[in-house]
C-alpha cells in the first residue's frame, strides 16, 4: 500500500494514472498477475517502444515492478503490480507538526500467548520447531522476521522518545498481515483485534493466508506451501477515532489515552477465541512478504 500524506506529494502518481493506456496496463496485471513486455504490447496493440515509456512511468511511481525473465530469444522484462492499495490523505492534520518514527522488528514482542499452528523464522532458518510455543520465548526470537499463530496475541512496547513537555496527538502503525491457515488458503478469514494500553481499538477481518505466488521478499529457501505474503495495513489513531486504511473501525480516539512523553505504549495484535472468525495471524517483517519493512510506527506530538 502507498500512503500519500500530502496531496502535493502525489502529483507524479496522479499523472501516471491520467493515461488510459497505463490504466489498461494496471487492469491487465490485476487480471493476469504478471506479464512480459511482448504479451502486454500485444494485448494493448502498441509497440514495445511505446510500452516501455508507460512501464517506466508506472515503475517510477512504485505502481509496477519489473524483473528479468529468461526467454528463448534472450531476456524479457516481466511486469507485475507492486501495490494493492493507495491511501491519500486529502485533509492535513495541522495540529500535528512534529513526528517521531520507529521501526519494531517482528520478533521484538514483550508479551505473548499463542496456540498452534504457530512458529517463527529469521531470514535464514526456522527458529526452534514449528508448533512448539516454547520457542516464542527463545532468545533467537529477536531475529524473527515472520511469526504466525492460530489464536492468542503478541504485544509490543512502542518506543516513546517524544521530547519532554509534549503530548501525543496521533499514532500511525503499518504492518504486513495475513491470516494463518493450515498450509495456505486465500479464503481463510480471521478477525484480528488491535489494542493500545489494554484498550480495544477495533477489529480488521483478514481475508486469507496468501500463497498463490512467492512473496517479493520471501527467501528462496522458504517452503512454497507456507505463508508467502500479506496485506499492508495502516492503523491510525487520531482525534477523530481509529481507522484502518482510512475506514473508521471505532470511536476510540487518541484523547482517550491522555498520552505524553512519559507514557508507556503497549500495542497488541490478537486473534481472540470468541471471535466470529478464528483464522490466525501472520506478521511479516522486512525479509518476508511483499513489503520490505518491519512494524512501522509514527507518533505525532505537540507542546502541552
C-alpha atoms as a PDB file:
ATOM      1  CA  UNK A   1       0.000   0.000   0.000  1.00  0.00           C
ATOM      2  CA  UNK A   2       1.148   3.502  -0.859  1.00  0.00           C
ATOM      3  CA  UNK A   3       0.262   6.168   1.693  1.00  0.00           C
ATOM      4  CA  UNK A   4       0.291   9.747   0.390  1.00  0.00           C
ATOM      5  CA  UNK A   5       0.106  12.024   3.406  1.00  0.00           C
ATOM      6  CA  UNK A   6       0.121  15.309   1.477  1.00  0.00           C
ATOM      7  CA  UNK A   7      -1.786  15.712  -1.766  1.00  0.00           C
ATOM      8  CA  UNK A   8       1.094  17.592  -3.410  1.00  0.00           C
ATOM      9  CA  UNK A   9       3.301  14.534  -2.899  1.00  0.00           C
ATOM     10  CA  UNK A  10       1.008  12.540  -5.184  1.00  0.00           C
ATOM     11  CA  UNK A  11       1.438  14.713  -8.266  1.00  0.00           C
ATOM     12  CA  UNK A  12       3.595  12.211 -10.200  1.00  0.00           C
ATOM     13  CA  UNK A  13       1.247   9.377  -9.242  1.00  0.00           C
ATOM     14  CA  UNK A  14      -1.781  11.324 -10.462  1.00  0.00           C
ATOM     15  CA  UNK A  15      -0.003  12.000 -13.749  1.00  0.00           C
ATOM     16  CA  UNK A  16       0.813   8.302 -14.126  1.00  0.00           C
ATOM     17  CA  UNK A  17      -2.828   7.346 -13.583  1.00  0.00           C
ATOM     18  CA  UNK A  18      -4.026  10.045 -16.002  1.00  0.00           C
ATOM     19  CA  UNK A  19      -3.404   7.813 -19.033  1.00  0.00           C
ATOM     20  CA  UNK A  20      -5.924   5.362 -20.454  1.00  0.00           C
ATOM     21  CA  UNK A  21      -3.107   3.094 -21.679  1.00  0.00           C
ATOM     22  CA  UNK A  22      -1.472   2.968 -18.244  1.00  0.00           C
ATOM     23  CA  UNK A  23      -4.817   2.206 -16.603  1.00  0.00           C
ATOM     24  CA  UNK A  24      -5.255  -0.656 -19.104  1.00  0.00           C
ATOM     25  CA  UNK A  25      -1.795  -1.972 -18.122  1.00  0.00           C
ATOM     26  CA  UNK A  26      -2.850  -1.988 -14.455  1.00  0.00           C
ATOM     27  CA  UNK A  27      -6.108  -3.812 -15.322  1.00  0.00           C
ATOM     28  CA  UNK A  28      -4.210  -6.472 -17.287  1.00  0.00           C
ATOM     29  CA  UNK A  29      -1.743  -7.021 -14.440  1.00  0.00           C
ATOM     30  CA  UNK A  30      -4.632  -7.291 -11.988  1.00  0.00           C
ATOM     31  CA  UNK A  31      -6.153  -9.977 -14.199  1.00  0.00           C
ATOM     32  CA  UNK A  32      -3.037 -11.983 -15.083  1.00  0.00           C
ATOM     33  CA  UNK A  33      -0.802 -11.190 -12.039  1.00  0.00           C
ATOM     34  CA  UNK A  34       2.312 -10.828 -14.226  1.00  0.00           C
ATOM     35  CA  UNK A  35       3.021 -10.441 -17.962  1.00  0.00           C
ATOM     36  CA  UNK A  36       6.126  -9.904 -20.051  1.00  0.00           C
ATOM     37  CA  UNK A  37       6.582  -6.891 -22.303  1.00  0.00           C
ATOM     38  CA  UNK A  38       5.654  -8.744 -25.513  1.00  0.00           C
ATOM     39  CA  UNK A  39       2.429 -10.040 -24.005  1.00  0.00           C
ATOM     40  CA  UNK A  40       1.448  -6.575 -22.768  1.00  0.00           C
ATOM     41  CA  UNK A  41       2.270  -4.899 -26.082  1.00  0.00           C
ATOM     42  CA  UNK A  42       0.196  -7.484 -27.968  1.00  0.00           C
ATOM     43  CA  UNK A  43      -2.819  -7.093 -25.663  1.00  0.00           C
ATOM     44  CA  UNK A  44      -2.664  -3.291 -25.903  1.00  0.00           C
ATOM     45  CA  UNK A  45      -1.897  -3.218 -29.648  1.00  0.00           C
ATOM     46  CA  UNK A  46       1.034  -0.848 -29.165  1.00  0.00           C
ATOM     47  CA  UNK A  47       4.732  -1.088 -29.955  1.00  0.00           C
ATOM     48  CA  UNK A  48       7.284  -2.290 -27.406  1.00  0.00           C
ATOM     49  CA  UNK A  49       8.918   1.136 -27.534  1.00  0.00           C
ATOM     50  CA  UNK A  50       5.677   2.886 -26.578  1.00  0.00           C
ATOM     51  CA  UNK A  51       5.015   0.309 -23.868  1.00  0.00           C
ATOM     52  CA  UNK A  52       8.484   0.818 -22.367  1.00  0.00           C
ATOM     53  CA  UNK A  53       7.732   4.504 -21.805  1.00  0.00           C
ATOM     54  CA  UNK A  54       4.469   3.690 -20.000  1.00  0.00           C
ATOM     55  CA  UNK A  55       6.081   0.975 -17.847  1.00  0.00           C
ATOM     56  CA  UNK A  56       8.911   3.318 -16.812  1.00  0.00           C
ATOM     57  CA  UNK A  57       6.329   5.892 -15.690  1.00  0.00           C
ATOM     58  CA  UNK A  58       4.400   3.326 -13.621  1.00  0.00           C
ATOM     59  CA  UNK A  59       7.622   1.897 -12.213  1.00  0.00           C
ATOM     60  CA  UNK A  60       8.944   5.291 -11.127  1.00  0.00           C
ATOM     61  CA  UNK A  61       5.757   5.842  -9.089  1.00  0.00           C
ATOM     62  CA  UNK A  62       6.019   2.459  -7.412  1.00  0.00           C
ATOM     63  CA  UNK A  63       2.882   1.039  -9.027  1.00  0.00           C
ATOM     64  CA  UNK A  64       4.600  -1.594 -11.169  1.00  0.00           C
ATOM     65  CA  UNK A  65       7.753  -3.624 -10.601  1.00  0.00           C
ATOM     66  CA  UNK A  66       9.825  -5.360 -13.293  1.00  0.00           C
ATOM     67  CA  UNK A  67      12.250  -8.273 -13.233  1.00  0.00           C
ATOM     68  CA  UNK A  68      14.272 -10.179 -15.817  1.00  0.00           C
ATOM     69  CA  UNK A  69      12.855 -13.374 -17.277  1.00  0.00           C
ATOM     70  CA  UNK A  70      14.893 -15.805 -19.372  1.00  0.00           C
ATOM     71  CA  UNK A  71      13.232 -16.405 -22.736  1.00  0.00           C
ATOM     72  CA  UNK A  72      14.088 -18.313 -25.918  1.00  0.00           C
ATOM     73  CA  UNK A  73      15.357 -15.179 -27.657  1.00  0.00           C
ATOM     74  CA  UNK A  74      17.109 -13.571 -24.687  1.00  0.00           C
ATOM     75  CA  UNK A  75      15.956 -11.859 -21.511  1.00  0.00           C
ATOM     76  CA  UNK A  76      12.468 -10.372 -21.215  1.00  0.00           C
ATOM     77  CA  UNK A  77      11.106  -7.932 -18.682  1.00  0.00           C
ATOM     78  CA  UNK A  78       8.388  -9.443 -16.515  1.00  0.00           C
ATOM     79  CA  UNK A  79       5.917  -6.851 -15.167  1.00  0.00           C
ATOM     80  CA  UNK A  80       3.723  -7.164 -12.090  1.00  0.00           C
ATOM     81  CA  UNK A  81       1.845  -4.859  -9.723  1.00  0.00           C
ATOM     82  CA  UNK A  82       3.709  -3.673  -6.643  1.00  0.00           C
ATOM     83  CA  UNK A  83       0.739  -2.048  -4.869  1.00  0.00           C
ATOM     84  CA  UNK A  84      -2.546  -3.454  -3.634  1.00  0.00           C
ATOM     85  CA  UNK A  85      -3.930  -0.154  -2.371  1.00  0.00           C
ATOM     86  CA  UNK A  86      -3.332   3.610  -2.481  1.00  0.00           C
ATOM     87  CA  UNK A  87      -4.341   5.753   0.509  1.00  0.00           C
ATOM     88  CA  UNK A  88      -4.433   9.535   0.098  1.00  0.00           C
ATOM     89  CA  UNK A  89      -4.890  11.989   2.955  1.00  0.00           C
ATOM     90  CA  UNK A  90      -6.895  14.885   1.489  1.00  0.00           C
ATOM     91  CA  UNK A  91      -7.016  16.930   4.709  1.00  0.00           C
ATOM     92  CA  UNK A  92      -3.808  17.726   6.609  1.00  0.00           C
ATOM     93  CA  UNK A  93      -3.866  17.471  10.398  1.00  0.00           C
ATOM     94  CA  UNK A  94      -2.472  20.927  11.052  1.00  0.00           C
ATOM     95  CA  UNK A  95      -2.097  20.296  14.785  1.00  0.00           C
ATOM     96  CA  UNK A  96       0.495  17.565  14.334  1.00  0.00           C
ATOM     97  CA  UNK A  97       3.646  19.346  13.178  1.00  0.00           C
ATOM     98  CA  UNK A  98       6.179  17.109  14.945  1.00  0.00           C
ATOM     99  CA  UNK A  99       6.697  13.398  14.368  1.00  0.00           C
ATOM    100  CA  UNK A 100       8.770  10.617  15.947  1.00  0.00           C
ATOM    101  CA  UNK A 101       9.291   7.475  13.807  1.00  0.00           C
ATOM    102  CA  UNK A 102      10.276   3.991  14.948  1.00  0.00           C
ATOM    103  CA  UNK A 103      10.644   0.519  13.422  1.00  0.00           C
ATOM    104  CA  UNK A 104       9.869  -2.567  15.525  1.00  0.00           C
ATOM    105  CA  UNK A 105      11.138  -5.963  14.421  1.00  0.00           C
ATOM    106  CA  UNK A 106       8.535  -8.724  14.322  1.00  0.00           C
ATOM    107  CA  UNK A 107      10.356 -10.742  16.981  1.00  0.00           C
ATOM    108  CA  UNK A 108      10.702  -7.861  19.458  1.00  0.00           C
ATOM    109  CA  UNK A 109       7.390  -8.529  21.239  1.00  0.00           C
ATOM    110  CA  UNK A 110       7.396  -8.138  25.014  1.00  0.00           C
ATOM    111  CA  UNK A 111       4.448 -10.392  25.859  1.00  0.00           C
ATOM    112  CA  UNK A 112       2.623 -13.222  24.115  1.00  0.00           C
ATOM    113  CA  UNK A 113       0.171 -16.070  24.413  1.00  0.00           C
ATOM    114  CA  UNK A 114      -0.054 -18.194  21.275  1.00  0.00           C
ATOM    115  CA  UNK A 115      -1.516 -21.527  20.187  1.00  0.00           C
ATOM    116  CA  UNK A 116      -0.559 -23.880  17.327  1.00  0.00           C
ATOM    117  CA  UNK A 117      -0.308 -23.844  14.449  1.00  0.00           C
ATOM    118  CA  UNK A 118       2.483 -21.398  15.276  1.00  0.00           C
ATOM    119  CA  UNK A 119       6.113 -20.609  14.681  1.00  0.00           C
ATOM    120  CA  UNK A 120       8.831 -18.070  13.990  1.00  0.00           C
ATOM    121  CA  UNK A 121      11.600 -17.737  11.460  1.00  0.00           C
ATOM    122  CA  UNK A 122      14.516 -15.478  10.690  1.00  0.00           C
ATOM    123  CA  UNK A 123      15.521 -14.725   7.104  1.00  0.00           C
ATOM    124  CA  UNK A 124      17.863 -17.728   7.276  1.00  0.00           C
ATOM    125  CA  UNK A 125      16.063 -20.505   9.153  1.00  0.00           C
ATOM    126  CA  UNK A 126      13.138 -21.633  11.301  1.00  0.00           C
ATOM    127  CA  UNK A 127      13.624 -20.740  14.971  1.00  0.00           C
ATOM    128  CA  UNK A 128      13.342 -23.929  17.016  1.00  0.00           C
ATOM    129  CA  UNK A 129      10.487 -26.210  15.985  1.00  0.00           C
ATOM    130  CA  UNK A 130       7.162 -25.398  14.352  1.00  0.00           C
ATOM    131  CA  UNK A 131       4.074 -25.621  16.608  1.00  0.00           C
ATOM    132  CA  UNK A 132       6.157 -25.636  19.805  1.00  0.00           C
ATOM    133  CA  UNK A 133       5.091 -22.497  21.698  1.00  0.00           C
ATOM    134  CA  UNK A 134       8.177 -22.662  23.944  1.00  0.00           C
ATOM    135  CA  UNK A 135      10.290 -21.171  21.145  1.00  0.00           C
ATOM    136  CA  UNK A 136       8.369 -17.896  21.344  1.00  0.00           C
ATOM    137  CA  UNK A 137      10.499 -17.326  24.474  1.00  0.00           C
ATOM    138  CA  UNK A 138      13.782 -18.394  22.854  1.00  0.00           C
ATOM    139  CA  UNK A 139      16.485 -15.670  22.678  1.00  0.00           C
ATOM    140  CA  UNK A 140      16.718 -16.172  18.894  1.00  0.00           C
ATOM    141  CA  UNK A 141      13.187 -14.786  18.583  1.00  0.00           C
ATOM    142  CA  UNK A 142      14.724 -11.299  18.380  1.00  0.00           C
ATOM    143  CA  UNK A 143      15.952 -12.269  14.916  1.00  0.00           C
ATOM    144  CA  UNK A 144      12.483 -13.321  13.736  1.00  0.00           C
ATOM    145  CA  UNK A 145      11.205 -11.669  10.567  1.00  0.00           C
ATOM    146  CA  UNK A 146       7.969 -13.636  10.394  1.00  0.00           C
ATOM    147  CA  UNK A 147       5.718 -15.191  13.038  1.00  0.00           C
ATOM    148  CA  UNK A 148       2.368 -16.910  12.952  1.00  0.00           C
ATOM    149  CA  UNK A 149      -0.229 -18.419  15.306  1.00  0.00           C
ATOM    150  CA  UNK A 150      -3.832 -19.682  15.202  1.00  0.00           C
ATOM    151  CA  UNK A 151      -5.151 -17.783  18.228  1.00  0.00           C
ATOM    152  CA  UNK A 152      -3.774 -15.695  21.066  1.00  0.00           C
ATOM    153  CA  UNK A 153      -1.754 -12.470  20.902  1.00  0.00           C
ATOM    154  CA  UNK A 154       1.615 -10.786  20.672  1.00  0.00           C
ATOM    155  CA  UNK A 155       2.251  -7.434  22.348  1.00  0.00           C
ATOM    156  CA  UNK A 156       4.941  -4.842  21.590  1.00  0.00           C
ATOM    157  CA  UNK A 157       6.198  -1.885  23.592  1.00  0.00           C
ATOM    158  CA  UNK A 158       6.377   1.051  21.183  1.00  0.00           C
ATOM    159  CA  UNK A 159       9.486   3.203  21.744  1.00  0.00           C
ATOM    160  CA  UNK A 160       8.405   6.628  23.020  1.00  0.00           C
ATOM    161  CA  UNK A 161      11.120   9.235  22.620  1.00  0.00           C
ATOM    162  CA  UNK A 162       8.802  12.187  22.197  1.00  0.00           C
ATOM    163  CA  UNK A 163      10.524  15.310  23.614  1.00  0.00           C
ATOM    164  CA  UNK A 164       9.697  16.350  27.176  1.00  0.00           C
ATOM    165  CA  UNK A 165       6.686  18.570  27.805  1.00  0.00           C
ATOM    166  CA  UNK A 166       4.889  17.270  24.712  1.00  0.00           C
ATOM    167  CA  UNK A 167       1.622  15.381  24.390  1.00  0.00           C
ATOM    168  CA  UNK A 168       0.977  12.643  21.829  1.00  0.00           C
ATOM    169  CA  UNK A 169      -1.623  13.742  19.285  1.00  0.00           C
ATOM    170  CA  UNK A 170      -1.713  10.719  16.989  1.00  0.00           C
ATOM    171  CA  UNK A 171      -0.249   7.263  16.367  1.00  0.00           C
ATOM    172  CA  UNK A 172       0.069   5.538  12.990  1.00  0.00           C
ATOM    173  CA  UNK A 173       1.125   1.894  12.714  1.00  0.00           C
ATOM    174  CA  UNK A 174       1.683  -0.039   9.498  1.00  0.00           C
ATOM    175  CA  UNK A 175       2.387  -3.763   9.202  1.00  0.00           C
ATOM    176  CA  UNK A 176       2.057  -6.537   6.633  1.00  0.00           C
ATOM    177  CA  UNK A 177      -0.516  -9.020   7.952  1.00  0.00           C
ATOM    178  CA  UNK A 178      -2.482 -12.084   6.907  1.00  0.00           C
ATOM    179  CA  UNK A 179      -4.422 -14.973   8.418  1.00  0.00           C
ATOM    180  CA  UNK A 180      -2.823 -18.293   9.392  1.00  0.00           C
ATOM    181  CA  UNK A 181      -4.372 -21.298   7.662  1.00  0.00           C
ATOM    182  CA  UNK A 182      -3.180 -24.912   7.599  1.00  0.00           C
ATOM    183  CA  UNK A 183      -0.858 -24.579   4.608  1.00  0.00           C
ATOM    184  CA  UNK A 184      -2.185 -21.577   2.668  1.00  0.00           C
ATOM    185  CA  UNK A 185      -5.713 -20.525   1.771  1.00  0.00           C
ATOM    186  CA  UNK A 186      -6.643 -17.164   0.204  1.00  0.00           C
ATOM    187  CA  UNK A 187     -10.188 -17.590   1.507  1.00  0.00           C
ATOM    188  CA  UNK A 188      -9.500 -18.010   5.225  1.00  0.00           C
ATOM    189  CA  UNK A 189     -10.993 -15.062   7.145  1.00  0.00           C
ATOM    190  CA  UNK A 190      -9.633 -14.085  10.525  1.00  0.00           C
ATOM    191  CA  UNK A 191     -10.734 -11.343  12.935  1.00  0.00           C
ATOM    192  CA  UNK A 192      -7.607  -9.531  14.085  1.00  0.00           C
ATOM    193  CA  UNK A 193      -8.165  -7.279  17.097  1.00  0.00           C
ATOM    194  CA  UNK A 194      -5.918  -4.332  17.967  1.00  0.00           C
ATOM    195  CA  UNK A 195      -5.292  -2.952  21.465  1.00  0.00           C
ATOM    196  CA  UNK A 196      -3.373   0.019  22.824  1.00  0.00           C
ATOM    197  CA  UNK A 197      -2.564   0.012  26.553  1.00  0.00           C
ATOM    198  CA  UNK A 198      -5.259  -2.594  27.131  1.00  0.00           C
ATOM    199  CA  UNK A 199      -7.981  -0.588  25.386  1.00  0.00           C
ATOM    200  CA  UNK A 200      -9.646  -2.351  22.447  1.00  0.00           C
ATOM    201  CA  UNK A 201      -9.203  -0.241  19.316  1.00  0.00           C
ATOM    202  CA  UNK A 202     -11.211  -2.360  16.892  1.00  0.00           C
ATOM    203  CA  UNK A 203     -11.113  -5.311  14.518  1.00  0.00           C
ATOM    204  CA  UNK A 204      -9.900  -5.884  10.967  1.00  0.00           C
ATOM    205  CA  UNK A 205     -11.025  -9.013   9.110  1.00  0.00           C
ATOM    206  CA  UNK A 206      -8.111 -10.535   7.220  1.00  0.00           C
ATOM    207  CA  UNK A 207      -9.444 -12.261   4.087  1.00  0.00           C
ATOM    208  CA  UNK A 208      -6.918 -15.079   3.911  1.00  0.00           C
ATOM    209  CA  UNK A 209      -3.470 -16.628   4.144  1.00  0.00           C
ATOM    210  CA  UNK A 210      -1.818 -15.968   0.787  1.00  0.00           C
ATOM    211  CA  UNK A 211       0.431 -18.405  -1.036  1.00  0.00           C
ATOM    212  CA  UNK A 212      -0.611 -18.243  -4.700  1.00  0.00           C
ATOM    213  CA  UNK A 213       2.717 -16.628  -5.630  1.00  0.00           C
ATOM    214  CA  UNK A 214       6.011 -16.251  -3.781  1.00  0.00           C
ATOM    215  CA  UNK A 215       6.318 -13.050  -1.776  1.00  0.00           C
ATOM    216  CA  UNK A 216       8.593 -10.485  -3.416  1.00  0.00           C
ATOM    217  CA  UNK A 217      10.977 -10.501  -0.437  1.00  0.00           C
ATOM    218  CA  UNK A 218      10.277 -14.001   0.886  1.00  0.00           C
ATOM    219  CA  UNK A 219      13.557 -16.004   0.964  1.00  0.00           C
ATOM    220  CA  UNK A 220      14.110 -18.594  -1.764  1.00  0.00           C
ATOM    221  CA  UNK A 221      14.505 -21.394   0.799  1.00  0.00           C
ATOM    222  CA  UNK A 222      11.045 -20.757   2.302  1.00  0.00           C
ATOM    223  CA  UNK A 223       8.544 -23.557   1.750  1.00  0.00           C
ATOM    224  CA  UNK A 224       6.247 -22.888  -1.250  1.00  0.00           C
ATOM    225  CA  UNK A 225       3.100 -24.114   0.549  1.00  0.00           C
ATOM    226  CA  UNK A 226       3.626 -21.759   3.510  1.00  0.00           C
ATOM    227  CA  UNK A 227       2.637 -18.110   4.094  1.00  0.00           C
ATOM    228  CA  UNK A 228       4.136 -16.074   1.247  1.00  0.00           C
ATOM    229  CA  UNK A 229       2.833 -12.530   1.709  1.00  0.00           C
ATOM    230  CA  UNK A 230       0.202 -10.428   3.451  1.00  0.00           C
ATOM    231  CA  UNK A 231      -1.625  -7.136   3.045  1.00  0.00           C
ATOM    232  CA  UNK A 232      -0.046  -3.885   4.199  1.00  0.00           C
ATOM    233  CA  UNK A 233      -2.456  -2.364   6.710  1.00  0.00           C
ATOM    234  CA  UNK A 234      -2.378   1.171   8.081  1.00  0.00           C
ATOM    235  CA  UNK A 235      -3.817   1.679  11.572  1.00  0.00           C
ATOM    236  CA  UNK A 236      -4.369   5.312  12.571  1.00  0.00           C
ATOM    237  CA  UNK A 237      -5.431   6.600  15.993  1.00  0.00           C
ATOM    238  CA  UNK A 238      -6.131  10.330  15.958  1.00  0.00           C
ATOM    239  CA  UNK A 239      -8.525  12.843  17.469  1.00  0.00           C
ATOM    240  CA  UNK A 240     -11.353  11.625  15.221  1.00  0.00           C
ATOM    241  CA  UNK A 241     -11.228   7.917  16.093  1.00  0.00           C
ATOM    242  CA  UNK A 242      -9.424   4.742  14.995  1.00  0.00           C
ATOM    243  CA  UNK A 243      -9.062   3.878  11.315  1.00  0.00           C
ATOM    244  CA  UNK A 244      -7.784   1.033   9.134  1.00  0.00           C
ATOM    245  CA  UNK A 245      -6.757   2.215   5.663  1.00  0.00           C
ATOM    246  CA  UNK A 246      -8.886   5.321   6.129  1.00  0.00           C
ATOM    247  CA  UNK A 247     -12.041   3.446   7.237  1.00  0.00           C
ATOM    248  CA  UNK A 248     -13.198   4.073  10.808  1.00  0.00           C
ATOM    249  CA  UNK A 249     -13.272   0.907  12.919  1.00  0.00           C
ATOM    250  CA  UNK A 250     -14.104   2.522  16.267  1.00  0.00           C
ATOM    251  CA  UNK A 251     -14.742   5.804  18.068  1.00  0.00           C
ATOM    252  CA  UNK A 252     -11.671   5.295  20.288  1.00  0.00           C
ATOM    253  CA  UNK A 253      -9.572   8.439  19.791  1.00  0.00           C
ATOM    254  CA  UNK A 254      -6.117   9.500  20.894  1.00  0.00           C
ATOM    255  CA  UNK A 255      -7.519  11.800  23.607  1.00  0.00           C
ATOM    256  CA  UNK A 256      -8.972   8.748  25.378  1.00  0.00           C
ATOM    257  CA  UNK A 257      -5.430   7.719  26.358  1.00  0.00           C
ATOM    258  CA  UNK A 258      -4.009  11.045  27.628  1.00  0.00           C
ATOM    259  CA  UNK A 259      -0.540  10.184  26.348  1.00  0.00           C
ATOM    260  CA  UNK A 260       2.601  12.279  26.709  1.00  0.00           C
ATOM    261  CA  UNK A 261       6.404  11.955  26.559  1.00  0.00           C
ATOM    262  CA  UNK A 262       6.492   9.722  29.638  1.00  0.00           C
ATOM    263  CA  UNK A 263       3.738   7.288  28.616  1.00  0.00           C
ATOM    264  CA  UNK A 264       4.383   3.591  28.079  1.00  0.00           C
ATOM    265  CA  UNK A 265       2.797   2.438  24.813  1.00  0.00           C
ATOM    266  CA  UNK A 266       1.777  -1.233  24.614  1.00  0.00           C
ATOM    267  CA  UNK A 267       0.396  -2.347  21.244  1.00  0.00           C
ATOM    268  CA  UNK A 268      -1.270  -5.757  20.957  1.00  0.00           C
ATOM    269  CA  UNK A 269      -2.445  -7.764  17.946  1.00  0.00           C
ATOM    270  CA  UNK A 270      -4.742 -10.637  18.862  1.00  0.00           C
ATOM    271  CA  UNK A 271      -6.950 -13.380  17.446  1.00  0.00           C
ATOM    272  CA  UNK A 272      -9.500 -13.961  20.165  1.00  0.00           C
ATOM    273  CA  UNK A 273     -11.101 -17.313  20.878  1.00  0.00           C
ATOM    274  CA  UNK A 274     -14.640 -15.889  20.868  1.00  0.00           C
ATOM    275  CA  UNK A 275     -14.221 -14.071  17.530  1.00  0.00           C
ATOM    276  CA  UNK A 276     -16.525 -14.970  14.651  1.00  0.00           C
ATOM    277  CA  UNK A 277     -13.516 -15.889  12.501  1.00  0.00           C
ATOM    278  CA  UNK A 278     -10.662 -17.518  14.413  1.00  0.00           C
ATOM    279  CA  UNK A 279      -8.328 -17.792  11.442  1.00  0.00           C
ATOM    280  CA  UNK A 280      -4.962 -16.927  12.944  1.00  0.00           C
ATOM    281  CA  UNK A 281      -2.442 -14.170  12.352  1.00  0.00           C
ATOM    282  CA  UNK A 282       0.803 -13.918  10.401  1.00  0.00           C
ATOM    283  CA  UNK A 283       3.072 -10.869  10.771  1.00  0.00           C
ATOM    284  CA  UNK A 284       5.691 -10.265   8.071  1.00  0.00           C
ATOM    285  CA  UNK A 285       8.964  -8.394   8.552  1.00  0.00           C
ATOM    286  CA  UNK A 286      11.286  -6.806   6.023  1.00  0.00           C
ATOM    287  CA  UNK A 287      12.734 -10.059   4.618  1.00  0.00           C
ATOM    288  CA  UNK A 288       9.347 -11.726   4.039  1.00  0.00           C
ATOM    289  CA  UNK A 289       6.242 -10.840   2.064  1.00  0.00           C
ATOM    290  CA  UNK A 290       5.695  -8.068  -0.461  1.00  0.00           C
ATOM    291  CA  UNK A 291       6.853  -5.069   1.599  1.00  0.00           C
ATOM    292  CA  UNK A 292      10.411  -4.615   2.799  1.00  0.00           C
ATOM    293  CA  UNK A 293       9.518  -3.200   6.195  1.00  0.00           C
ATOM    294  CA  UNK A 294       9.187  -4.088   9.850  1.00  0.00           C
ATOM    295  CA  UNK A 295       6.295  -2.824  12.000  1.00  0.00           C
ATOM    296  CA  UNK A 296       6.484   0.926  11.367  1.00  0.00           C
ATOM    297  CA  UNK A 297       5.248   3.435  13.954  1.00  0.00           C
ATOM    298  CA  UNK A 298       4.772   7.167  13.548  1.00  0.00           C
ATOM    299  CA  UNK A 299       3.956   9.237  16.674  1.00  0.00           C
ATOM    300  CA  UNK A 300       2.713  12.795  16.211  1.00  0.00           C
ATOM    301  CA  UNK A 301       3.150  15.207  19.096  1.00  0.00           C
ATOM    302  CA  UNK A 302       2.648  18.852  20.101  1.00  0.00           C
ATOM    303  CA  UNK A 303       3.525  21.039  23.051  1.00  0.00           C
ATOM    304  CA  UNK A 304       1.281  20.632  26.082  1.00  0.00           C
END
